[in-house]
Amino acid sequence: MPKQYSVIAGLTVIEHSLRALQSCAAIEHIFVNVQHDDALADGIAAAVPGVTFLRCAGATRAETVQAALNAIAKQIKRDAWVLVHDAARPCVLASDVTRLIEMAGAHNG
C-alpha cells in the first residue's frame, strides 16, 4: 500500500496533509494528482471536500508535477503561485506554508 494511505491517529497520511494545507488561509485551492487507476483516492476525495483530484500522475515525481500543471493551467490565473507538496509528508504546518508564501512573494522571481 502506498504510504499516503497508511492510517495514523485515525486518518490517512494524505488526509493529515490535506487538512494541514486546508488550514492555511493563503491557499485558494488544492489539487491532488494520483494515478488514473488509484481506487483508494475515491475514499479520500469523499472524506476531504474542497479538494480536486486529478488522475494524470506520471512515472516520476517530475512527470506528475508537470502533468498536474498542464491539467490545471486553464483553471488558474496566469500569475498564480503553485506550491507543490508531497502528500506522503503530513508534518507540514500552515504557519510554515504561510511563511513560504510570504517569502516567495517578497521576490519578483
PDB file of N, CA and C in Angstrom:
ATOM      1  N   MET A   1       0.850  -1.181   0.000  1.00  0.00           N
ATOM      2  CA  MET A   1       0.000   0.000   0.000  1.00  0.00           C
ATOM      3  C   MET A   1       0.898   1.248   0.000  1.00  0.00           C
ATOM      4  N   PRO A   2       0.602   2.218  -0.855  1.00  0.00           N
ATOM      5  CA  PRO A   2       1.367   3.465  -0.844  1.00  0.00           C
ATOM      6  C   PRO A   2       1.264   4.150   0.520  1.00  0.00           C
ATOM      7  N   LYS A   3       2.372   4.741   0.970  1.00  0.00           N
ATOM      8  CA  LYS A   3       2.398   5.286   2.336  1.00  0.00           C
ATOM      9  C   LYS A   3       1.402   6.408   2.575  1.00  0.00           C
ATOM     10  N   GLN A   4       0.977   7.121   1.532  1.00  0.00           N
ATOM     11  CA  GLN A   4      -0.007   8.188   1.755  1.00  0.00           C
ATOM     12  C   GLN A   4      -1.358   7.650   2.218  1.00  0.00           C
ATOM     13  N   TYR A   5      -1.560   6.337   2.071  1.00  0.00           N
ATOM     14  CA  TYR A   5      -2.811   5.732   2.515  1.00  0.00           C
ATOM     15  C   TYR A   5      -2.683   4.991   3.841  1.00  0.00           C
ATOM     16  N   SER A   6      -1.520   5.040   4.445  1.00  0.00           N
ATOM     17  CA  SER A   6      -1.343   4.467   5.777  1.00  0.00           C
ATOM     18  C   SER A   6      -2.153   5.289   6.772  1.00  0.00           C
ATOM     19  N   VAL A   7      -2.690   4.635   7.779  1.00  0.00           N
ATOM     20  CA  VAL A   7      -3.518   5.325   8.768  1.00  0.00           C
ATOM     21  C   VAL A   7      -2.692   5.633  10.015  1.00  0.00           C
ATOM     22  N   ILE A   8      -2.756   6.896  10.425  1.00  0.00           N
ATOM     23  CA  ILE A   8      -2.092   7.372  11.636  1.00  0.00           C
ATOM     24  C   ILE A   8      -3.123   8.182  12.411  1.00  0.00           C
ATOM     25  N   ALA A   9      -3.352   7.820  13.648  1.00  0.00           N
ATOM     26  CA  ALA A   9      -4.297   8.544  14.505  1.00  0.00           C
ATOM     27  C   ALA A   9      -5.669   8.691  13.840  1.00  0.00           C
ATOM     28  N   GLY A  10      -6.121   7.638  13.184  1.00  0.00           N
ATOM     29  CA  GLY A  10      -7.473   7.609  12.636  1.00  0.00           C
ATOM     30  C   GLY A  10      -7.658   8.218  11.259  1.00  0.00           C
ATOM     31  N   LEU A  11      -6.614   8.832  10.712  1.00  0.00           N
ATOM     32  CA  LEU A  11      -6.702   9.430   9.377  1.00  0.00           C
ATOM     33  C   LEU A  11      -5.561   8.910   8.521  1.00  0.00           C
ATOM     34  N   THR A  12      -5.772   8.893   7.214  1.00  0.00           N
ATOM     35  CA  THR A  12      -4.664   8.527   6.335  1.00  0.00           C
ATOM     36  C   THR A  12      -3.635   9.660   6.322  1.00  0.00           C
ATOM     37  N   VAL A  13      -2.429   9.326   5.932  1.00  0.00           N
ATOM     38  CA  VAL A  13      -1.361  10.321   5.856  1.00  0.00           C
ATOM     39  C   VAL A  13      -1.768  11.455   4.919  1.00  0.00           C
ATOM     40  N   ILE A  14      -2.369  11.122   3.803  1.00  0.00           N
ATOM     41  CA  ILE A  14      -2.780  12.171   2.861  1.00  0.00           C
ATOM     42  C   ILE A  14      -3.866  13.063   3.463  1.00  0.00           C
ATOM     43  N   GLU A  15      -4.749  12.516   4.252  1.00  0.00           N
ATOM     44  CA  GLU A  15      -5.765  13.348   4.914  1.00  0.00           C
ATOM     45  C   GLU A  15      -5.117  14.321   5.888  1.00  0.00           C
ATOM     46  N   HIS A  16      -4.110  13.874   6.626  1.00  0.00           N
ATOM     47  CA  HIS A  16      -3.380  14.787   7.519  1.00  0.00           C
ATOM     48  C   HIS A  16      -2.761  15.924   6.709  1.00  0.00           C
ATOM     49  N   SER A  17      -2.123  15.579   5.584  1.00  0.00           N
ATOM     50  CA  SER A  17      -1.500  16.598   4.729  1.00  0.00           C
ATOM     51  C   SER A  17      -2.541  17.584   4.218  1.00  0.00           C
ATOM     52  N   LEU A  18      -3.645  17.063   3.708  1.00  0.00           N
ATOM     53  CA  LEU A  18      -4.684  17.932   3.143  1.00  0.00           C
ATOM     54  C   LEU A  18      -5.309  18.835   4.193  1.00  0.00           C
ATOM     55  N   ARG A  19      -5.549  18.312   5.369  1.00  0.00           N
ATOM     56  CA  ARG A  19      -6.136  19.145   6.439  1.00  0.00           C
ATOM     57  C   ARG A  19      -5.180  20.267   6.844  1.00  0.00           C
ATOM     58  N   ALA A  20      -3.884  19.955   6.896  1.00  0.00           N
ATOM     59  CA  ALA A  20      -2.901  20.988   7.223  1.00  0.00           C
ATOM     60  C   ALA A  20      -2.906  22.077   6.147  1.00  0.00           C
ATOM     61  N   LEU A  21      -2.935  21.676   4.888  1.00  0.00           N
ATOM     62  CA  LEU A  21      -2.947  22.657   3.809  1.00  0.00           C
ATOM     63  C   LEU A  21      -4.250  23.443   3.784  1.00  0.00           C
ATOM     64  N   GLN A  22      -5.368  22.794   4.079  1.00  0.00           N
ATOM     65  CA  GLN A  22      -6.656  23.491   4.112  1.00  0.00           C
ATOM     66  C   GLN A  22      -6.718  24.522   5.228  1.00  0.00           C
ATOM     67  N   SER A  23      -5.935  24.334   6.274  1.00  0.00           N
ATOM     68  CA  SER A  23      -5.961  25.294   7.386  1.00  0.00           C
ATOM     69  C   SER A  23      -5.128  26.541   7.089  1.00  0.00           C
ATOM     70  N   CYS A  24      -4.466  26.571   5.950  1.00  0.00           N
ATOM     71  CA  CYS A  24      -3.665  27.735   5.556  1.00  0.00           C
ATOM     72  C   CYS A  24      -4.547  28.676   4.744  1.00  0.00           C
ATOM     73  N   ALA A  25      -4.837  29.826   5.301  1.00  0.00           N
ATOM     74  CA  ALA A  25      -5.756  30.775   4.673  1.00  0.00           C
ATOM     75  C   ALA A  25      -5.262  31.276   3.318  1.00  0.00           C
ATOM     76  N   ALA A  26      -3.979  31.256   3.083  1.00  0.00           N
ATOM     77  CA  ALA A  26      -3.426  31.779   1.833  1.00  0.00           C
ATOM     78  C   ALA A  26      -3.619  30.828   0.650  1.00  0.00           C
ATOM     79  N   ILE A  27      -3.994  29.595   0.909  1.00  0.00           N
ATOM     80  CA  ILE A  27      -4.186  28.620  -0.169  1.00  0.00           C
ATOM     81  C   ILE A  27      -5.618  28.721  -0.672  1.00  0.00           C
ATOM     82  N   GLU A  28      -5.744  28.986  -1.959  1.00  0.00           N
ATOM     83  CA  GLU A  28      -7.072  29.143  -2.556  1.00  0.00           C
ATOM     84  C   GLU A  28      -7.703  27.812  -2.947  1.00  0.00           C
ATOM     85  N   HIS A  29      -6.894  26.879  -3.406  1.00  0.00           N
ATOM     86  CA  HIS A  29      -7.434  25.588  -3.832  1.00  0.00           C
ATOM     87  C   HIS A  29      -6.342  24.538  -3.768  1.00  0.00           C
ATOM     88  N   ILE A  30      -6.748  23.305  -3.570  1.00  0.00           N
ATOM     89  CA  ILE A  30      -5.802  22.187  -3.507  1.00  0.00           C
ATOM     90  C   ILE A  30      -6.155  21.185  -4.593  1.00  0.00           C
ATOM     91  N   PHE A  31      -5.153  20.821  -5.368  1.00  0.00           N
ATOM     92  CA  PHE A  31      -5.270  19.770  -6.368  1.00  0.00           C
ATOM     93  C   PHE A  31      -4.394  18.615  -5.922  1.00  0.00           C
ATOM     94  N   VAL A  32      -4.882  17.408  -6.076  1.00  0.00           N
ATOM     95  CA  VAL A  32      -4.105  16.208  -5.755  1.00  0.00           C
ATOM     96  C   VAL A  32      -4.019  15.379  -7.030  1.00  0.00           C
ATOM     97  N   ASN A  33      -2.819  15.013  -7.423  1.00  0.00           N
ATOM     98  CA  ASN A  33      -2.640  14.230  -8.633  1.00  0.00           C
ATOM     99  C   ASN A  33      -2.327  12.783  -8.272  1.00  0.00           C
ATOM    100  N   VAL A  34      -3.152  11.865  -8.756  1.00  0.00           N
ATOM    101  CA  VAL A  34      -2.979  10.436  -8.488  1.00  0.00           C
ATOM    102  C   VAL A  34      -2.975   9.679  -9.809  1.00  0.00           C
ATOM    103  N   GLN A  35      -2.572   8.432  -9.739  1.00  0.00           N
ATOM    104  CA  GLN A  35      -2.612   7.577 -10.913  1.00  0.00           C
ATOM    105  C   GLN A  35      -4.061   7.393 -11.368  1.00  0.00           C
ATOM    106  N   HIS A  36      -4.277   7.189 -12.650  1.00  0.00           N
ATOM    107  CA  HIS A  36      -5.642   7.078 -13.187  1.00  0.00           C
ATOM    108  C   HIS A  36      -6.410   5.898 -12.600  1.00  0.00           C
ATOM    109  N   ASP A  37      -5.702   4.873 -12.149  1.00  0.00           N
ATOM    110  CA  ASP A  37      -6.376   3.678 -11.621  1.00  0.00           C
ATOM    111  C   ASP A  37      -6.296   3.564 -10.092  1.00  0.00           C
ATOM    112  N   ASP A  38      -6.053   4.685  -9.419  1.00  0.00           N
ATOM    113  CA  ASP A  38      -5.919   4.702  -7.963  1.00  0.00           C
ATOM    114  C   ASP A  38      -7.300   4.646  -7.306  1.00  0.00           C
ATOM    115  N   ALA A  39      -7.728   3.455  -6.947  1.00  0.00           N
ATOM    116  CA  ALA A  39      -9.055   3.268  -6.357  1.00  0.00           C
ATOM    117  C   ALA A  39      -9.157   3.832  -4.944  1.00  0.00           C
ATOM    118  N   LEU A  40      -8.059   3.933  -4.227  1.00  0.00           N
ATOM    119  CA  LEU A  40      -8.091   4.441  -2.860  1.00  0.00           C
ATOM    120  C   LEU A  40      -8.338   5.943  -2.798  1.00  0.00           C
ATOM    121  N   ALA A  41      -8.029   6.643  -3.866  1.00  0.00           N
ATOM    122  CA  ALA A  41      -8.209   8.093  -3.890  1.00  0.00           C
ATOM    123  C   ALA A  41      -9.672   8.491  -3.786  1.00  0.00           C
ATOM    124  N   ASP A  42     -10.575   7.661  -4.273  1.00  0.00           N
ATOM    125  CA  ASP A  42     -12.004   7.998  -4.228  1.00  0.00           C
ATOM    126  C   ASP A  42     -12.497   8.172  -2.795  1.00  0.00           C
ATOM    127  N   GLY A  43     -12.052   7.320  -1.896  1.00  0.00           N
ATOM    128  CA  GLY A  43     -12.449   7.438  -0.498  1.00  0.00           C
ATOM    129  C   GLY A  43     -11.915   8.705   0.142  1.00  0.00           C
ATOM    130  N   ILE A  44     -10.704   9.084  -0.221  1.00  0.00           N
ATOM    131  CA  ILE A  44     -10.110  10.311   0.315  1.00  0.00           C
ATOM    132  C   ILE A  44     -10.859  11.517  -0.239  1.00  0.00           C
ATOM    133  N   ALA A  45     -11.157  11.483  -1.526  1.00  0.00           N
ATOM    134  CA  ALA A  45     -11.885  12.596  -2.147  1.00  0.00           C
ATOM    135  C   ALA A  45     -13.224  12.824  -1.454  1.00  0.00           C
ATOM    136  N   ALA A  46     -13.878  11.743  -1.060  1.00  0.00           N
ATOM    137  CA  ALA A  46     -15.162  11.864  -0.363  1.00  0.00           C
ATOM    138  C   ALA A  46     -14.980  12.375   1.063  1.00  0.00           C
ATOM    139  N   ALA A  47     -13.856  12.029   1.696  1.00  0.00           N
ATOM    140  CA  ALA A  47     -13.620  12.400   3.094  1.00  0.00           C
ATOM    141  C   ALA A  47     -13.104  13.829   3.257  1.00  0.00           C
ATOM    142  N   VAL A  48     -12.505  14.385   2.207  1.00  0.00           N
ATOM    143  CA  VAL A  48     -11.907  15.722   2.296  1.00  0.00           C
ATOM    144  C   VAL A  48     -12.510  16.602   1.201  1.00  0.00           C
ATOM    145  N   PRO A  49     -13.612  17.281   1.499  1.00  0.00           N
ATOM    146  CA  PRO A  49     -14.263  18.118   0.484  1.00  0.00           C
ATOM    147  C   PRO A  49     -13.415  19.340   0.121  1.00  0.00           C
ATOM    148  N   GLY A  50     -13.682  19.872  -1.057  1.00  0.00           N
ATOM    149  CA  GLY A  50     -12.994  21.088  -1.480  1.00  0.00           C
ATOM    150  C   GLY A  50     -11.637  20.848  -2.101  1.00  0.00           C
ATOM    151  N   VAL A  51     -11.313  19.617  -2.382  1.00  0.00           N
ATOM    152  CA  VAL A  51     -10.040  19.260  -2.995  1.00  0.00           C
ATOM    153  C   VAL A  51     -10.362  18.624  -4.342  1.00  0.00           C
ATOM    154  N   THR A  52      -9.638  19.027  -5.372  1.00  0.00           N
ATOM    155  CA  THR A  52      -9.836  18.457  -6.695  1.00  0.00           C
ATOM    156  C   THR A  52      -8.796  17.373  -6.937  1.00  0.00           C
ATOM    157  N   PHE A  53      -9.270  16.192  -7.249  1.00  0.00           N
ATOM    158  CA  PHE A  53      -8.361  15.089  -7.561  1.00  0.00           C
ATOM    159  C   PHE A  53      -8.195  14.988  -9.065  1.00  0.00           C
ATOM    160  N   LEU A  54      -6.954  15.024  -9.497  1.00  0.00           N
ATOM    161  CA  LEU A  54      -6.592  14.836 -10.900  1.00  0.00           C
ATOM    162  C   LEU A  54      -6.144  13.393 -11.059  1.00  0.00           C
ATOM    163  N   ARG A  55      -6.282  12.853 -12.205  1.00  0.00           N
ATOM    164  CA  ARG A  55      -5.877  11.466 -12.451  1.00  0.00           C
ATOM    165  C   ARG A  55      -4.925  11.405 -13.632  1.00  0.00           C
ATOM    166  N   CYS A  56      -3.793  12.071 -13.471  1.00  0.00           N
ATOM    167  CA  CYS A  56      -2.822  12.120 -14.561  1.00  0.00           C
ATOM    168  C   CYS A  56      -1.382  12.018 -14.052  1.00  0.00           C
ATOM    169  N   ALA A  57      -1.180  11.342 -12.937  1.00  0.00           N
ATOM    170  CA  ALA A  57       0.164  11.204 -12.381  1.00  0.00           C
ATOM    171  C   ALA A  57       1.057  10.431 -13.341  1.00  0.00           C
ATOM    172  N   GLY A  58       2.335  10.781 -13.347  1.00  0.00           N
ATOM    173  CA  GLY A  58       3.301  10.133 -14.224  1.00  0.00           C
ATOM    174  C   GLY A  58       4.116   9.092 -13.495  1.00  0.00           C
ATOM    175  N   ALA A  59       5.148   8.617 -14.164  1.00  0.00           N
ATOM    176  CA  ALA A  59       6.021   7.579 -13.607  1.00  0.00           C
ATOM    177  C   ALA A  59       7.006   8.143 -12.590  1.00  0.00           C
ATOM    178  N   THR A  60       7.282   9.443 -12.669  1.00  0.00           N
ATOM    179  CA  THR A  60       8.211  10.081 -11.729  1.00  0.00           C
ATOM    180  C   THR A  60       7.513  11.287 -11.097  1.00  0.00           C
ATOM    181  N   ARG A  61       8.117  11.794 -10.045  1.00  0.00           N
ATOM    182  CA  ARG A  61       7.558  12.983  -9.400  1.00  0.00           C
ATOM    183  C   ARG A  61       7.544  14.162 -10.366  1.00  0.00           C
ATOM    184  N   ALA A  62       8.615  14.333 -11.125  1.00  0.00           N
ATOM    185  CA  ALA A  62       8.684  15.443 -12.089  1.00  0.00           C
ATOM    186  C   ALA A  62       7.581  15.320 -13.142  1.00  0.00           C
ATOM    187  N   GLU A  63       7.357  14.134 -13.652  1.00  0.00           N
ATOM    188  CA  GLU A  63       6.289  13.927 -14.635  1.00  0.00           C
ATOM    189  C   GLU A  63       4.918  14.192 -14.021  1.00  0.00           C
ATOM    190  N   THR A  64       4.742  13.799 -12.780  1.00  0.00           N
ATOM    191  CA  THR A  64       3.471  14.008 -12.087  1.00  0.00           C
ATOM    192  C   THR A  64       3.205  15.495 -11.884  1.00  0.00           C
ATOM    193  N   VAL A  65       4.213  16.237 -11.474  1.00  0.00           N
ATOM    194  CA  VAL A  65       4.053  17.686 -11.277  1.00  0.00           C
ATOM    195  C   VAL A  65       3.762  18.354 -12.610  1.00  0.00           C
ATOM    196  N   GLN A  66       4.499  18.007 -13.648  1.00  0.00           N
ATOM    197  CA  GLN A  66       4.276  18.617 -14.967  1.00  0.00           C
ATOM    198  C   GLN A  66       2.876  18.312 -15.485  1.00  0.00           C
ATOM    199  N   ALA A  67       2.435  17.077 -15.322  1.00  0.00           N
ATOM    200  CA  ALA A  67       1.090  16.704 -15.764  1.00  0.00           C
ATOM    201  C   ALA A  67       0.025  17.486 -15.004  1.00  0.00           C
ATOM    202  N   ALA A  68       0.227  17.669 -13.709  1.00  0.00           N
ATOM    203  CA  ALA A  68      -0.732  18.438 -12.904  1.00  0.00           C
ATOM    204  C   ALA A  68      -0.751  19.897 -13.353  1.00  0.00           C
ATOM    205  N   LEU A  69       0.418  20.475 -13.580  1.00  0.00           N
ATOM    206  CA  LEU A  69       0.470  21.867 -14.040  1.00  0.00           C
ATOM    207  C   LEU A  69      -0.241  22.024 -15.380  1.00  0.00           C
ATOM    208  N   ASN A  70      -0.040  21.075 -16.265  1.00  0.00           N
ATOM    209  CA  ASN A  70      -0.733  21.116 -17.558  1.00  0.00           C
ATOM    210  C   ASN A  70      -2.245  21.004 -17.365  1.00  0.00           C
ATOM    211  N   ALA A  71      -2.662  20.142 -16.457  1.00  0.00           N
ATOM    212  CA  ALA A  71      -4.096  19.910 -16.231  1.00  0.00           C
ATOM    213  C   ALA A  71      -4.800  21.117 -15.623  1.00  0.00           C
ATOM    214  N   ILE A  72      -4.113  21.869 -14.790  1.00  0.00           N
ATOM    215  CA  ILE A  72      -4.760  22.997 -14.109  1.00  0.00           C
ATOM    216  C   ILE A  72      -4.514  24.337 -14.790  1.00  0.00           C
ATOM    217  N   ALA A  73      -3.715  24.342 -15.839  1.00  0.00           N
ATOM    218  CA  ALA A  73      -3.302  25.598 -16.483  1.00  0.00           C
ATOM    219  C   ALA A  73      -4.473  26.509 -16.834  1.00  0.00           C
ATOM    220  N   LYS A  74      -5.557  25.960 -17.308  1.00  0.00           N
ATOM    221  CA  LYS A  74      -6.709  26.778 -17.712  1.00  0.00           C
ATOM    222  C   LYS A  74      -7.633  27.110 -16.547  1.00  0.00           C
ATOM    223  N   GLN A  75      -7.367  26.531 -15.377  1.00  0.00           N
ATOM    224  CA  GLN A  75      -8.235  26.744 -14.219  1.00  0.00           C
ATOM    225  C   GLN A  75      -7.693  27.780 -13.248  1.00  0.00           C
ATOM    226  N   ILE A  76      -6.449  28.188 -13.443  1.00  0.00           N
ATOM    227  CA  ILE A  76      -5.828  29.138 -12.515  1.00  0.00           C
ATOM    228  C   ILE A  76      -5.408  30.402 -13.255  1.00  0.00           C
ATOM    229  N   LYS A  77      -5.206  31.460 -12.492  1.00  0.00           N
ATOM    230  CA  LYS A  77      -4.742  32.715 -13.080  1.00  0.00           C
ATOM    231  C   LYS A  77      -3.324  32.537 -13.601  1.00  0.00           C
ATOM    232  N   ARG A  78      -3.012  33.246 -14.660  1.00  0.00           N
ATOM    233  CA  ARG A  78      -1.686  33.122 -15.287  1.00  0.00           C
ATOM    234  C   ARG A  78      -0.554  33.439 -14.315  1.00  0.00           C
ATOM    235  N   ASP A  79      -0.763  34.385 -13.420  1.00  0.00           N
ATOM    236  CA  ASP A  79       0.297  34.779 -12.492  1.00  0.00           C
ATOM    237  C   ASP A  79       0.167  34.110 -11.115  1.00  0.00           C
ATOM    238  N   ALA A  80      -0.620  33.054 -11.035  1.00  0.00           N
ATOM    239  CA  ALA A  80      -0.825  32.364  -9.752  1.00  0.00           C
ATOM    240  C   ALA A  80       0.455  31.631  -9.327  1.00  0.00           C
ATOM    241  N   TRP A  81       0.645  31.569  -8.035  1.00  0.00           N
ATOM    242  CA  TRP A  81       1.721  30.762  -7.474  1.00  0.00           C
ATOM    243  C   TRP A  81       1.168  29.356  -7.264  1.00  0.00           C
ATOM    244  N   VAL A  82       1.946  28.368  -7.606  1.00  0.00           N
ATOM    245  CA  VAL A  82       1.561  26.982  -7.393  1.00  0.00           C
ATOM    246  C   VAL A  82       2.597  26.357  -6.467  1.00  0.00           C
ATOM    247  N   LEU A  83       2.140  25.865  -5.339  1.00  0.00           N
ATOM    248  CA  LEU A  83       3.019  25.179  -4.389  1.00  0.00           C
ATOM    249  C   LEU A  83       2.883  23.686  -4.621  1.00  0.00           C
ATOM    250  N   VAL A  84       3.976  22.971  -4.511  1.00  0.00           N
ATOM    251  CA  VAL A  84       3.957  21.522  -4.694  1.00  0.00           C
ATOM    252  C   VAL A  84       4.348  20.883  -3.369  1.00  0.00           C
ATOM    253  N   HIS A  85       3.522  19.944  -2.921  1.00  0.00           N
ATOM    254  CA  HIS A  85       3.785  19.253  -1.661  1.00  0.00           C
ATOM    255  C   HIS A  85       3.582  17.759  -1.857  1.00  0.00           C
ATOM    256  N   ASP A  86       4.468  16.979  -1.298  1.00  0.00           N
ATOM    257  CA  ASP A  86       4.356  15.523  -1.360  1.00  0.00           C
ATOM    258  C   ASP A  86       3.335  15.086  -0.316  1.00  0.00           C
ATOM    259  N   ALA A  87       2.250  14.484  -0.767  1.00  0.00           N
ATOM    260  CA  ALA A  87       1.150  14.105   0.128  1.00  0.00           C
ATOM    261  C   ALA A  87       1.561  13.111   1.201  1.00  0.00           C
ATOM    262  N   ALA A  88       2.661  12.429   0.998  1.00  0.00           N
ATOM    263  CA  ALA A  88       3.117  11.451   1.984  1.00  0.00           C
ATOM    264  C   ALA A  88       3.960  12.104   3.080  1.00  0.00           C
ATOM    265  N   ARG A  89       3.965  13.418   3.127  1.00  0.00           N
ATOM    266  CA  ARG A  89       4.702  14.162   4.153  1.00  0.00           C
ATOM    267  C   ARG A  89       3.708  15.001   4.961  1.00  0.00           C
ATOM    268  N   PRO A  90       3.079  14.394   5.984  1.00  0.00           N
ATOM    269  CA  PRO A  90       1.974  15.057   6.674  1.00  0.00           C
ATOM    270  C   PRO A  90       2.370  16.066   7.746  1.00  0.00           C
ATOM    271  N   CYS A  91       3.639  16.272   7.967  1.00  0.00           N
ATOM    272  CA  CYS A  91       4.046  17.139   9.082  1.00  0.00           C
ATOM    273  C   CYS A  91       4.163  18.605   8.685  1.00  0.00           C
ATOM    274  N   VAL A  92       3.568  18.977   7.582  1.00  0.00           N
ATOM    275  CA  VAL A  92       3.571  20.372   7.163  1.00  0.00           C
ATOM    276  C   VAL A  92       2.644  21.167   8.079  1.00  0.00           C
ATOM    277  N   LEU A  93       3.059  22.369   8.414  1.00  0.00           N
ATOM    278  CA  LEU A  93       2.242  23.255   9.246  1.00  0.00           C
ATOM    279  C   LEU A  93       1.753  24.435   8.418  1.00  0.00           C
ATOM    280  N   ALA A  94       0.547  24.875   8.675  1.00  0.00           N
ATOM    281  CA  ALA A  94       0.001  26.033   7.969  1.00  0.00           C
ATOM    282  C   ALA A  94       0.912  27.237   8.144  1.00  0.00           C
ATOM    283  N   SER A  95       1.481  27.401   9.316  1.00  0.00           N
ATOM    284  CA  SER A  95       2.366  28.548   9.556  1.00  0.00           C
ATOM    285  C   SER A  95       3.611  28.480   8.674  1.00  0.00           C
ATOM    286  N   ASP A  96       4.125  27.290   8.416  1.00  0.00           N
ATOM    287  CA  ASP A  96       5.288  27.144   7.530  1.00  0.00           C
ATOM    288  C   ASP A  96       4.913  27.484   6.092  1.00  0.00           C
ATOM    289  N   VAL A  97       3.741  27.032   5.658  1.00  0.00           N
ATOM    290  CA  VAL A  97       3.284  27.323   4.293  1.00  0.00           C
ATOM    291  C   VAL A  97       3.050  28.822   4.141  1.00  0.00           C
ATOM    292  N   THR A  98       2.438  29.434   5.123  1.00  0.00           N
ATOM    293  CA  THR A  98       2.200  30.879   5.089  1.00  0.00           C
ATOM    294  C   THR A  98       3.519  31.633   5.003  1.00  0.00           C
ATOM    295  N   ARG A  99       4.491  31.222   5.795  1.00  0.00           N
ATOM    296  CA  ARG A  99       5.809  31.872   5.762  1.00  0.00           C
ATOM    297  C   ARG A  99       6.469  31.687   4.398  1.00  0.00           C
ATOM    298  N   LEU A 100       6.356  30.499   3.817  1.00  0.00           N
ATOM    299  CA  LEU A 100       6.911  30.244   2.488  1.00  0.00           C
ATOM    300  C   LEU A 100       6.273  31.161   1.450  1.00  0.00           C
ATOM    301  N   ILE A 101       4.957  31.297   1.497  1.00  0.00           N
ATOM    302  CA  ILE A 101       4.250  32.145   0.557  1.00  0.00           C
ATOM    303  C   ILE A 101       4.694  33.604   0.733  1.00  0.00           C
ATOM    304  N   GLU A 102       4.826  34.049   1.954  1.00  0.00           N
ATOM    305  CA  GLU A 102       5.261  35.420   2.216  1.00  0.00           C
ATOM    306  C   GLU A 102       6.674  35.657   1.699  1.00  0.00           C
ATOM    307  N   MET A 103       7.558  34.695   1.938  1.00  0.00           N
ATOM    308  CA  MET A 103       8.946  34.823   1.481  1.00  0.00           C
ATOM    309  C   MET A 103       9.028  34.807  -0.049  1.00  0.00           C
ATOM    310  N   ALA A 104       8.271  33.928  -0.670  1.00  0.00           N
ATOM    311  CA  ALA A 104       8.286  33.860  -2.134  1.00  0.00           C
ATOM    312  C   ALA A 104       7.704  35.132  -2.731  1.00  0.00           C
ATOM    313  N   GLY A 105       6.683  35.683  -2.109  1.00  0.00           N
ATOM    314  CA  GLY A 105       6.062  36.894  -2.602  1.00  0.00           C
ATOM    315  C   GLY A 105       6.942  38.120  -2.463  1.00  0.00           C
ATOM    316  N   ALA A 106       7.942  38.047  -1.614  1.00  0.00           N
ATOM    317  CA  ALA A 106       8.858  39.173  -1.408  1.00  0.00           C
ATOM    318  C   ALA A 106       9.867  39.288  -2.548  1.00  0.00           C
ATOM    319  N   HIS A 107       9.901  38.301  -3.413  1.00  0.00           N
ATOM    320  CA  HIS A 107      10.840  38.300  -4.543  1.00  0.00           C
ATOM    321  C   HIS A 107      10.049  38.390  -5.836  1.00  0.00           C
ATOM    322  N   ASN A 108      10.647  38.937  -6.836  1.00  0.00           N
ATOM    323  CA  ASN A 108       9.965  39.095  -8.117  1.00  0.00           C
ATOM    324  C   ASN A 108      10.243  37.952  -9.073  1.00  0.00           C
ATOM    325  N   GLY A 109      10.737  36.837  -8.562  1.00  0.00           N
ATOM    326  CA  GLY A 109      11.083  35.698  -9.434  1.00  0.00           C
ATOM    327  C   GLY A 109       9.924  34.759  -9.629  1.00  0.00           C
TER     328      GLY A 109
END
